[in-house]
PDB file of N, CA and C in Angstrom:
ATOM      1  N   MET A   1     -29.920 120.804 -76.353  1.00  0.00           N
ATOM      2  CA  MET A   1     -30.208 119.888 -77.434  1.00  0.00           C
ATOM      3  C   MET A   1     -31.149 118.778 -76.974  1.00  0.00           C
ATOM      4  N   GLY A   2     -30.929 118.264 -75.768  1.00  0.00           N
ATOM      5  CA  GLY A   2     -31.789 117.220 -75.243  1.00  0.00           C
ATOM      6  C   GLY A   2     -33.214 117.686 -75.045  1.00  0.00           C
ATOM      7  N   GLU A   3     -33.383 118.938 -74.598  1.00  0.00           N
ATOM      8  CA  GLU A   3     -34.731 119.475 -74.410  1.00  0.00           C
ATOM      9  C   GLU A   3     -35.443 119.629 -75.743  1.00  0.00           C
ATOM     10  N   TYR A   4     -34.703 120.011 -76.770  1.00  0.00           N
ATOM     11  CA  TYR A   4     -35.305 120.153 -78.098  1.00  0.00           C
ATOM     12  C   TYR A   4     -35.791 118.802 -78.622  1.00  0.00           C
ATOM     13  N   LEU A   5     -34.967 117.769 -78.449  1.00  0.00           N
ATOM     14  CA  LEU A   5     -35.371 116.434 -78.900  1.00  0.00           C
ATOM     15  C   LEU A   5     -36.562 115.912 -78.114  1.00  0.00           C
ATOM     16  N   ASN A   6     -36.589 116.183 -76.815  1.00  0.00           N
ATOM     17  CA  ASN A   6     -37.727 115.739 -76.004  1.00  0.00           C
ATOM     18  C   ASN A   6     -39.009 116.460 -76.390  1.00  0.00           C
ATOM     19  N   ALA A   7     -38.898 117.707 -76.835  1.00  0.00           N
ATOM     20  CA  ALA A   7     -40.080 118.479 -77.209  1.00  0.00           C
ATOM     21  C   ALA A   7     -40.559 118.139 -78.623  1.00  0.00           C
ATOM     22  N   ASN A   8     -39.685 117.587 -79.450  1.00  0.00           N
ATOM     23  CA  ASN A   8     -40.022 117.315 -80.850  1.00  0.00           C
ATOM     24  C   ASN A   8     -39.700 115.867 -81.226  1.00  0.00           C
ATOM     25  N   MET A   9     -40.272 114.926 -80.514  1.00  0.00           N
ATOM     26  CA  MET A   9     -39.968 113.521 -80.757  1.00  0.00           C
ATOM     27  C   MET A   9     -40.471 113.035 -82.106  1.00  0.00           C
ATOM     28  N   ALA A  10     -41.644 113.442 -82.523  1.00  0.00           N
ATOM     29  CA  ALA A  10     -42.184 112.989 -83.804  1.00  0.00           C
ATOM     30  C   ALA A  10     -41.273 113.432 -84.946  1.00  0.00           C
ATOM     31  N   GLU A  11     -40.809 114.664 -84.887  1.00  0.00           N
ATOM     32  CA  GLU A  11     -39.930 115.179 -85.926  1.00  0.00           C
ATOM     33  C   GLU A  11     -38.597 114.433 -85.941  1.00  0.00           C
ATOM     34  N   PHE A  12     -38.086 114.070 -84.766  1.00  0.00           N
ATOM     35  CA  PHE A  12     -36.845 113.304 -84.692  1.00  0.00           C
ATOM     36  C   PHE A  12     -36.991 111.960 -85.391  1.00  0.00           C
ATOM     37  N   TRP A  13     -38.091 111.264 -85.139  1.00  0.00           N
ATOM     38  CA  TRP A  13     -38.275 109.943 -85.736  1.00  0.00           C
ATOM     39  C   TRP A  13     -38.509 110.044 -87.240  1.00  0.00           C
ATOM     40  N   PHE A  14     -39.220 111.086 -87.699  1.00  0.00           N
ATOM     41  CA  PHE A  14     -39.382 111.291 -89.138  1.00  0.00           C
ATOM     42  C   PHE A  14     -38.032 111.571 -89.794  1.00  0.00           C
ATOM     43  N   LEU A  15     -37.231 112.429 -89.177  1.00  0.00           N
ATOM     44  CA  LEU A  15     -35.917 112.746 -89.725  1.00  0.00           C
ATOM     45  C   LEU A  15     -35.026 111.513 -89.773  1.00  0.00           C
ATOM     46  N   LEU A  16     -35.015 110.731 -88.705  1.00  0.00           N
ATOM     47  CA  LEU A  16     -34.230 109.502 -88.672  1.00  0.00           C
ATOM     48  C   LEU A  16     -34.684 108.542 -89.767  1.00  0.00           C
ATOM     49  N   GLY A  17     -35.988 108.420 -89.938  1.00  0.00           N
ATOM     50  CA  GLY A  17     -36.518 107.526 -90.970  1.00  0.00           C
ATOM     51  C   GLY A  17     -36.097 107.941 -92.364  1.00  0.00           C
ATOM     52  N   PHE A  18     -36.191 109.230 -92.666  1.00  0.00           N
ATOM     53  CA  PHE A  18     -35.805 109.696 -93.997  1.00  0.00           C
ATOM     54  C   PHE A  18     -34.302 109.583 -94.219  1.00  0.00           C
ATOM     55  N   ILE A  19     -33.508 109.808 -93.176  1.00  0.00           N
ATOM     56  CA  ILE A  19     -32.057 109.643 -93.300  1.00  0.00           C
ATOM     57  C   ILE A  19     -31.713 108.176 -93.569  1.00  0.00           C
ATOM     58  N   LEU A  20     -32.331 107.266 -92.831  1.00  0.00           N
ATOM     59  CA  LEU A  20     -32.073 105.837 -93.058  1.00  0.00           C
ATOM     60  C   LEU A  20     -32.480 105.406 -94.462  1.00  0.00           C
ATOM     61  N   LEU A  21     -33.617 105.899 -94.938  1.00  0.00           N
ATOM     62  CA  LEU A  21     -34.053 105.547 -96.285  1.00  0.00           C
ATOM     63  C   LEU A  21     -33.126 106.139 -97.339  1.00  0.00           C
ATOM     64  N   ALA A  22     -32.642 107.355 -97.122  1.00  0.00           N
ATOM     65  CA  ALA A  22     -31.727 107.985 -98.076  1.00  0.00           C
ATOM     66  C   ALA A  22     -30.395 107.249 -98.123  1.00  0.00           C
ATOM     67  N   VAL A  23     -29.879 106.852 -96.959  1.00  0.00           N
ATOM     68  CA  VAL A  23     -28.622 106.105 -96.933  1.00  0.00           C
ATOM     69  C   VAL A  23     -28.795 104.755 -97.625  1.00  0.00           C
ATOM     70  N   GLU A  24     -29.908 104.105 -97.403  1.00  0.00           N
ATOM     71  CA  GLU A  24     -30.183 102.827 -98.068  1.00  0.00           C
ATOM     72  C   GLU A  24     -30.209 103.001 -99.583  1.00  0.00           C
ATOM     73  N   LEU A  25     -30.828 104.060-100.050  1.00  0.00           N
ATOM     74  CA  LEU A  25     -30.947 104.287-101.478  1.00  0.00           C
ATOM     75  C   LEU A  25     -29.612 104.661-102.105  1.00  0.00           C
ATOM     76  N   VAL A  26     -28.883 105.590-101.475  1.00  0.00           N
ATOM     77  CA  VAL A  26     -27.656 106.105-102.066  1.00  0.00           C
ATOM     78  C   VAL A  26     -26.493 105.125-101.906  1.00  0.00           C
ATOM     79  N   ALA A  27     -26.309 104.598-100.716  1.00  0.00           N
ATOM     80  CA  ALA A  27     -25.131 103.774-100.456  1.00  0.00           C
ATOM     81  C   ALA A  27     -25.297 102.330-100.929  1.00  0.00           C
ATOM     82  N   PHE A  28     -26.479 101.778-100.774  1.00  0.00           N
ATOM     83  CA  PHE A  28     -26.662 100.358-101.069  1.00  0.00           C
ATOM     84  C   PHE A  28     -27.554 100.088-102.274  1.00  0.00           C
ATOM     85  N   GLY A  29     -28.190 101.106-102.816  1.00  0.00           N
ATOM     86  CA  GLY A  29     -29.047 100.918-103.979  1.00  0.00           C
ATOM     87  C   GLY A  29     -30.249 100.036-103.710  1.00  0.00           C
ATOM     88  N   MET A  30     -30.784 100.093-102.507  1.00  0.00           N
ATOM     89  CA  MET A  30     -31.939  99.307-102.079  1.00  0.00           C
ATOM     90  C   MET A  30     -31.674  97.805-102.157  1.00  0.00           C
ATOM     91  N   ALA A  31     -30.421  97.406-101.922  1.00  0.00           N
ATOM     92  CA  ALA A  31     -30.069  95.995-102.024  1.00  0.00           C
ATOM     93  C   ALA A  31     -30.067  95.277-100.678  1.00  0.00           C
ATOM     94  N   SER A  32     -29.768  95.993 -99.589  1.00  0.00           N
ATOM     95  CA  SER A  32     -29.623  95.285 -98.315  1.00  0.00           C
ATOM     96  C   SER A  32     -30.956  95.091 -97.604  1.00  0.00           C
ATOM     97  N   GLY A  33     -31.788  96.098 -97.553  1.00  0.00           N
ATOM     98  CA  GLY A  33     -33.082  95.983 -96.893  1.00  0.00           C
ATOM     99  C   GLY A  33     -33.054  96.298 -95.415  1.00  0.00           C
ATOM    100  N   VAL A  34     -31.890  96.219 -94.780  1.00  0.00           N
ATOM    101  CA  VAL A  34     -31.820  96.454 -93.337  1.00  0.00           C
ATOM    102  C   VAL A  34     -32.202  97.889 -93.009  1.00  0.00           C
ATOM    103  N   LEU A  35     -31.579  98.833 -93.692  1.00  0.00           N
ATOM    104  CA  LEU A  35     -31.908 100.234 -93.430  1.00  0.00           C
ATOM    105  C   LEU A  35     -33.282 100.605 -93.967  1.00  0.00           C
ATOM    106  N   LEU A  36     -33.733  99.895 -94.983  1.00  0.00           N
ATOM    107  CA  LEU A  36     -35.073 100.138 -95.519  1.00  0.00           C
ATOM    108  C   LEU A  36     -36.131  99.881 -94.455  1.00  0.00           C
ATOM    109  N   PHE A  37     -36.055  98.715 -93.819  1.00  0.00           N
ATOM    110  CA  PHE A  37     -37.066  98.372 -92.821  1.00  0.00           C
ATOM    111  C   PHE A  37     -36.898  99.194 -91.544  1.00  0.00           C
ATOM    112  N   ALA A  38     -35.673  99.557 -91.201  1.00  0.00           N
ATOM    113  CA  ALA A  38     -35.453 100.444 -90.052  1.00  0.00           C
ATOM    114  C   ALA A  38     -36.020 101.830 -90.337  1.00  0.00           C
ATOM    115  N   GLY A  39     -35.854 102.314 -91.555  1.00  0.00           N
ATOM    116  CA  GLY A  39     -36.424 103.609 -91.930  1.00  0.00           C
ATOM    117  C   GLY A  39     -37.940 103.607 -91.897  1.00  0.00           C
ATOM    118  N   ILE A  40     -38.527 102.535 -92.390  1.00  0.00           N
ATOM    119  CA  ILE A  40     -39.990 102.413 -92.342  1.00  0.00           C
ATOM    120  C   ILE A  40     -40.467 102.365 -90.896  1.00  0.00           C
ATOM    121  N   GLY A  41     -39.746 101.639 -90.045  1.00  0.00           N
ATOM    122  CA  GLY A  41     -40.099 101.584 -88.625  1.00  0.00           C
ATOM    123  C   GLY A  41     -40.013 102.942 -87.959  1.00  0.00           C
ATOM    124  N   ALA A  42     -38.999 103.729 -88.316  1.00  0.00           N
ATOM    125  CA  ALA A  42     -38.864 105.069 -87.746  1.00  0.00           C
ATOM    126  C   ALA A  42     -39.991 105.983 -88.222  1.00  0.00           C
ATOM    127  N   LEU A  43     -40.379 105.859 -89.486  1.00  0.00           N
ATOM    128  CA  LEU A  43     -41.489 106.678 -89.991  1.00  0.00           C
ATOM    129  C   LEU A  43     -42.813 106.303 -89.323  1.00  0.00           C
ATOM    130  N   ILE A  44     -43.030 105.019 -89.102  1.00  0.00           N
ATOM    131  CA  ILE A  44     -44.239 104.578 -88.404  1.00  0.00           C
ATOM    132  C   ILE A  44     -44.241 105.108 -86.972  1.00  0.00           C
ATOM    133  N   THR A  45     -43.093 105.054 -86.311  1.00  0.00           N
ATOM    134  CA  THR A  45     -42.998 105.565 -84.943  1.00  0.00           C
ATOM    135  C   THR A  45     -43.277 107.059 -84.904  1.00  0.00           C
ATOM    136  N   GLY A  46     -42.719 107.808 -85.848  1.00  0.00           N
ATOM    137  CA  GLY A  46     -43.002 109.239 -85.920  1.00  0.00           C
ATOM    138  C   GLY A  46     -44.479 109.526 -86.133  1.00  0.00           C
ATOM    139  N   ALA A  47     -45.123 108.732 -86.978  1.00  0.00           N
ATOM    140  CA  ALA A  47     -46.559 108.917 -87.212  1.00  0.00           C
ATOM    141  C   ALA A  47     -47.372 108.618 -85.959  1.00  0.00           C
ATOM    142  N   LEU A  48     -46.978 107.591 -85.207  1.00  0.00           N
ATOM    143  CA  LEU A  48     -47.701 107.270 -83.973  1.00  0.00           C
ATOM    144  C   LEU A  48     -47.547 108.379 -82.934  1.00  0.00           C
ATOM    145  N   PHE A  49     -46.372 108.990 -82.876  1.00  0.00           N
ATOM    146  CA  PHE A  49     -46.185 110.128 -81.974  1.00  0.00           C
ATOM    147  C   PHE A  49     -47.025 111.318 -82.435  1.00  0.00           C
ATOM    148  N   LEU A  50     -47.019 111.573 -83.745  1.00  0.00           N
ATOM    149  CA  LEU A  50     -47.738 112.732 -84.288  1.00  0.00           C
ATOM    150  C   LEU A  50     -49.244 112.610 -84.075  1.00  0.00           C
ATOM    151  N   LEU A  51     -49.757 111.387 -84.179  1.00  0.00           N
ATOM    152  CA  LEU A  51     -51.192 111.159 -83.979  1.00  0.00           C
ATOM    153  C   LEU A  51     -51.582 111.101 -82.505  1.00  0.00           C
ATOM    154  N   GLY A  52     -50.604 111.088 -81.608  1.00  0.00           N
ATOM    155  CA  GLY A  52     -50.886 111.057 -80.182  1.00  0.00           C
ATOM    156  C   GLY A  52     -51.201 109.681 -79.646  1.00  0.00           C
ATOM    157  N   ILE A  53     -50.884 108.643 -80.403  1.00  0.00           N
ATOM    158  CA  ILE A  53     -51.163 107.278 -79.965  1.00  0.00           C
ATOM    159  C   ILE A  53     -50.152 106.838 -78.913  1.00  0.00           C
ATOM    160  N   LEU A  54     -48.895 107.240 -79.077  1.00  0.00           N
ATOM    161  CA  LEU A  54     -47.841 106.885 -78.127  1.00  0.00           C
ATOM    162  C   LEU A  54     -47.552 108.047 -77.191  1.00  0.00           C
ATOM    163  N   PRO A  55     -47.226 107.766 -75.943  1.00  0.00           N
ATOM    164  CA  PRO A  55     -46.756 108.839 -75.058  1.00  0.00           C
ATOM    165  C   PRO A  55     -45.349 109.250 -75.490  1.00  0.00           C
ATOM    166  N   GLU A  56     -45.042 110.535 -75.403  1.00  0.00           N
ATOM    167  CA  GLU A  56     -43.756 111.030 -75.896  1.00  0.00           C
ATOM    168  C   GLU A  56     -42.649 110.765 -74.885  1.00  0.00           C
ATOM    169  N   THR A  57     -42.226 109.504 -74.831  1.00  0.00           N
ATOM    170  CA  THR A  57     -41.087 109.101 -74.010  1.00  0.00           C
ATOM    171  C   THR A  57     -40.126 108.316 -74.894  1.00  0.00           C
ATOM    172  N   TRP A  58     -38.854 108.297 -74.485  1.00  0.00           N
ATOM    173  CA  TRP A  58     -37.854 107.575 -75.266  1.00  0.00           C
ATOM    174  C   TRP A  58     -38.092 106.073 -75.222  1.00  0.00           C
ATOM    175  N   ILE A  59     -38.564 105.577 -74.087  1.00  0.00           N
ATOM    176  CA  ILE A  59     -38.832 104.139 -73.972  1.00  0.00           C
ATOM    177  C   ILE A  59     -39.914 103.726 -74.970  1.00  0.00           C
ATOM    178  N   ALA A  60     -40.980 104.487 -75.045  1.00  0.00           N
ATOM    179  CA  ALA A  60     -42.058 104.174 -75.987  1.00  0.00           C
ATOM    180  C   ALA A  60     -41.568 104.289 -77.425  1.00  0.00           C
ATOM    181  N   GLY A  61     -40.730 105.276 -77.697  1.00  0.00           N
ATOM    182  CA  GLY A  61     -40.214 105.452 -79.052  1.00  0.00           C
ATOM    183  C   GLY A  61     -39.318 104.316 -79.498  1.00  0.00           C
ATOM    184  N   ILE A  62     -38.402 103.920 -78.640  1.00  0.00           N
ATOM    185  CA  ILE A  62     -37.481 102.841 -78.992  1.00  0.00           C
ATOM    186  C   ILE A  62     -38.222 101.513 -79.117  1.00  0.00           C
ATOM    187  N   ALA A  63     -39.168 101.271 -78.218  1.00  0.00           N
ATOM    188  CA  ALA A  63     -39.954 100.037 -78.292  1.00  0.00           C
ATOM    189  C   ALA A  63     -40.801 100.015 -79.562  1.00  0.00           C
ATOM    190  N   SER A  64     -41.438 101.122 -79.881  1.00  0.00           N
ATOM    191  CA  SER A  64     -42.249 101.195 -81.081  1.00  0.00           C
ATOM    192  C   SER A  64     -41.388 101.052 -82.330  1.00  0.00           C
ATOM    193  N   PHE A  65     -40.199 101.629 -82.313  1.00  0.00           N
ATOM    194  CA  PHE A  65     -39.274 101.516 -83.443  1.00  0.00           C
ATOM    195  C   PHE A  65     -38.902 100.058 -83.683  1.00  0.00           C
ATOM    196  N   GLY A  66     -38.609  99.340 -82.626  1.00  0.00           N
ATOM    197  CA  GLY A  66     -38.248  97.933 -82.765  1.00  0.00           C
ATOM    198  C   GLY A  66     -39.404  97.093 -83.267  1.00  0.00           C
ATOM    199  N   VAL A  67     -40.569  97.303 -82.701  1.00  0.00           N
ATOM    200  CA  VAL A  67     -41.739  96.523 -83.107  1.00  0.00           C
ATOM    201  C   VAL A  67     -42.145  96.861 -84.542  1.00  0.00           C
ATOM    202  N   ALA A  68     -42.134  98.149 -84.884  1.00  0.00           N
ATOM    203  CA  ALA A  68     -42.529  98.546 -86.238  1.00  0.00           C
ATOM    204  C   ALA A  68     -41.517  98.074 -87.273  1.00  0.00           C
ATOM    205  N   SER A  69     -40.237  98.089 -86.941  1.00  0.00           N
ATOM    206  CA  SER A  69     -39.229  97.583 -87.863  1.00  0.00           C
ATOM    207  C   SER A  69     -39.393  96.089 -88.074  1.00  0.00           C
ATOM    208  N   GLY A  70     -39.633  95.365 -86.982  1.00  0.00           N
ATOM    209  CA  GLY A  70     -39.842  93.923 -87.100  1.00  0.00           C
ATOM    210  C   GLY A  70     -41.102  93.589 -87.868  1.00  0.00           C
ATOM    211  N   ALA A  71     -42.167  94.334 -87.628  1.00  0.00           N
ATOM    212  CA  ALA A  71     -43.420  94.076 -88.326  1.00  0.00           C
ATOM    213  C   ALA A  71     -43.301  94.387 -89.817  1.00  0.00           C
ATOM    214  N   SER A  72     -42.597  95.454 -90.156  1.00  0.00           N
ATOM    215  CA  SER A  72     -42.436  95.780 -91.583  1.00  0.00           C
ATOM    216  C   SER A  72     -41.524  94.773 -92.277  1.00  0.00           C
ATOM    217  N   THR A  73     -40.611  94.197 -91.537  1.00  0.00           N
ATOM    218  CA  THR A  73     -39.745  93.167 -92.116  1.00  0.00           C
ATOM    219  C   THR A  73     -40.537  91.889 -92.393  1.00  0.00           C
ATOM    220  N   ALA A  74     -41.418  91.560 -91.491  1.00  0.00           N
ATOM    221  CA  ALA A  74     -42.212  90.341 -91.660  1.00  0.00           C
ATOM    222  C   ALA A  74     -43.216  90.541 -92.772  1.00  0.00           C
TER     223      ALA A  74
END
């Protein structure tokens, strides 16, 4: 399972982003915003991996997720 995630990092971040957005929509009705901005950050991170801008490492992914979530919140 770990090898699959390491080989498909962009897909993992896209899936995480869509799951976070779906939970925000279904459970909270887009009222909290926390999962909304985290989902947007995950989608941005997935796009950066897919475009080859970020190296496919977990450190780069987590850092990009945090920065993208914070930037989308601001």
